[in-house]
């Protein structure tokens, strides 16, 4: 598994660590789950946007 280095405000990291502790999982697990959720949501939003753009284009071409 690859490792990355990211920067974030101390208070934000404290919130992440508290949540990870509350949920009895590691910081890495929590951040991976958050990014999975973001990617899934992003794909849904982008798919909807693509469909809307296709409808607009079809309307212009008619």
Protein backbone atom coordinates (compact mmCIF):
# COMPACT_ATOMS: atom_id res chain seq x y z
CA UNK A 1 0.00 0.00 0.00
CA UNK A 2 1.31 3.44 -0.92
CA UNK A 3 1.81 6.11 1.71
CA UNK A 4 1.16 9.81 1.23
CA UNK A 5 1.94 12.94 3.19
CA UNK A 6 -0.75 15.57 3.61
CA UNK A 7 -0.97 18.79 5.58
CA UNK A 8 -4.00 19.91 7.57
CA UNK A 9 -4.73 22.32 10.40
CA UNK A 10 -4.05 20.95 13.88
CA UNK A 11 -7.66 21.41 15.02
CA UNK A 12 -8.91 19.46 12.01
CA UNK A 13 -6.53 16.61 12.74
CA UNK A 14 -7.65 16.61 16.38
CA UNK A 15 -11.25 16.21 15.21
CA UNK A 16 -10.24 13.33 12.94
CA UNK A 17 -8.32 11.63 15.73
CA UNK A 18 -11.22 12.01 18.17
CA UNK A 19 -13.68 10.51 15.68
CA UNK A 20 -11.29 7.65 14.89
CA UNK A 21 -10.94 6.93 18.61
CA UNK A 22 -14.71 7.09 19.13
CA UNK A 23 -15.24 4.65 16.24
CA UNK A 24 -12.32 2.45 17.35
CA UNK A 25 -10.48 2.59 14.07
CA UNK A 26 -7.28 4.12 12.79
CA UNK A 27 -6.87 7.59 11.40
CA UNK A 28 -5.92 6.02 8.06
CA UNK A 29 -9.09 3.90 7.96
CA UNK A 30 -11.22 6.94 8.69
CA UNK A 31 -9.55 9.07 6.02
CA UNK A 32 -9.74 6.26 3.43
CA UNK A 33 -13.47 5.87 4.11
CA UNK A 34 -14.02 9.62 3.81
CA UNK A 35 -12.21 9.69 0.46
CA UNK A 36 -14.16 6.66 -0.82
CA UNK A 37 -17.37 8.47 0.04
CA UNK A 38 -16.16 11.64 -1.67
CA UNK A 39 -15.18 9.76 -4.83
CA UNK A 40 -18.55 7.98 -4.97
CA UNK A 41 -20.45 11.25 -4.51
CA UNK A 42 -18.24 13.00 -7.06
CA UNK A 43 -18.90 10.26 -9.64
CA UNK A 44 -22.66 10.55 -9.11
CA UNK A 45 -22.60 14.35 -9.42
CA UNK A 46 -20.41 14.21 -12.53
CA UNK A 47 -22.69 11.58 -14.11
CA UNK A 48 -25.76 13.74 -13.49
CA UNK A 49 -23.95 16.78 -14.89
CA UNK A 50 -22.95 14.82 -18.00
CA UNK A 51 -26.55 13.70 -18.57
CA UNK A 52 -27.83 17.25 -18.17
CA UNK A 53 -25.21 18.56 -20.62
CA UNK A 54 -26.15 15.85 -23.12
CA UNK A 55 -29.82 16.85 -22.86
CA UNK A 56 -28.92 20.49 -23.45
CA UNK A 57 -26.79 19.56 -26.44
CA UNK A 58 -29.57 17.38 -27.87
CA UNK A 59 -31.97 20.31 -27.50
CA UNK A 60 -29.60 22.60 -29.36
CA UNK A 61 -29.11 20.10 -32.17
CA UNK A 62 -32.84 19.49 -32.73
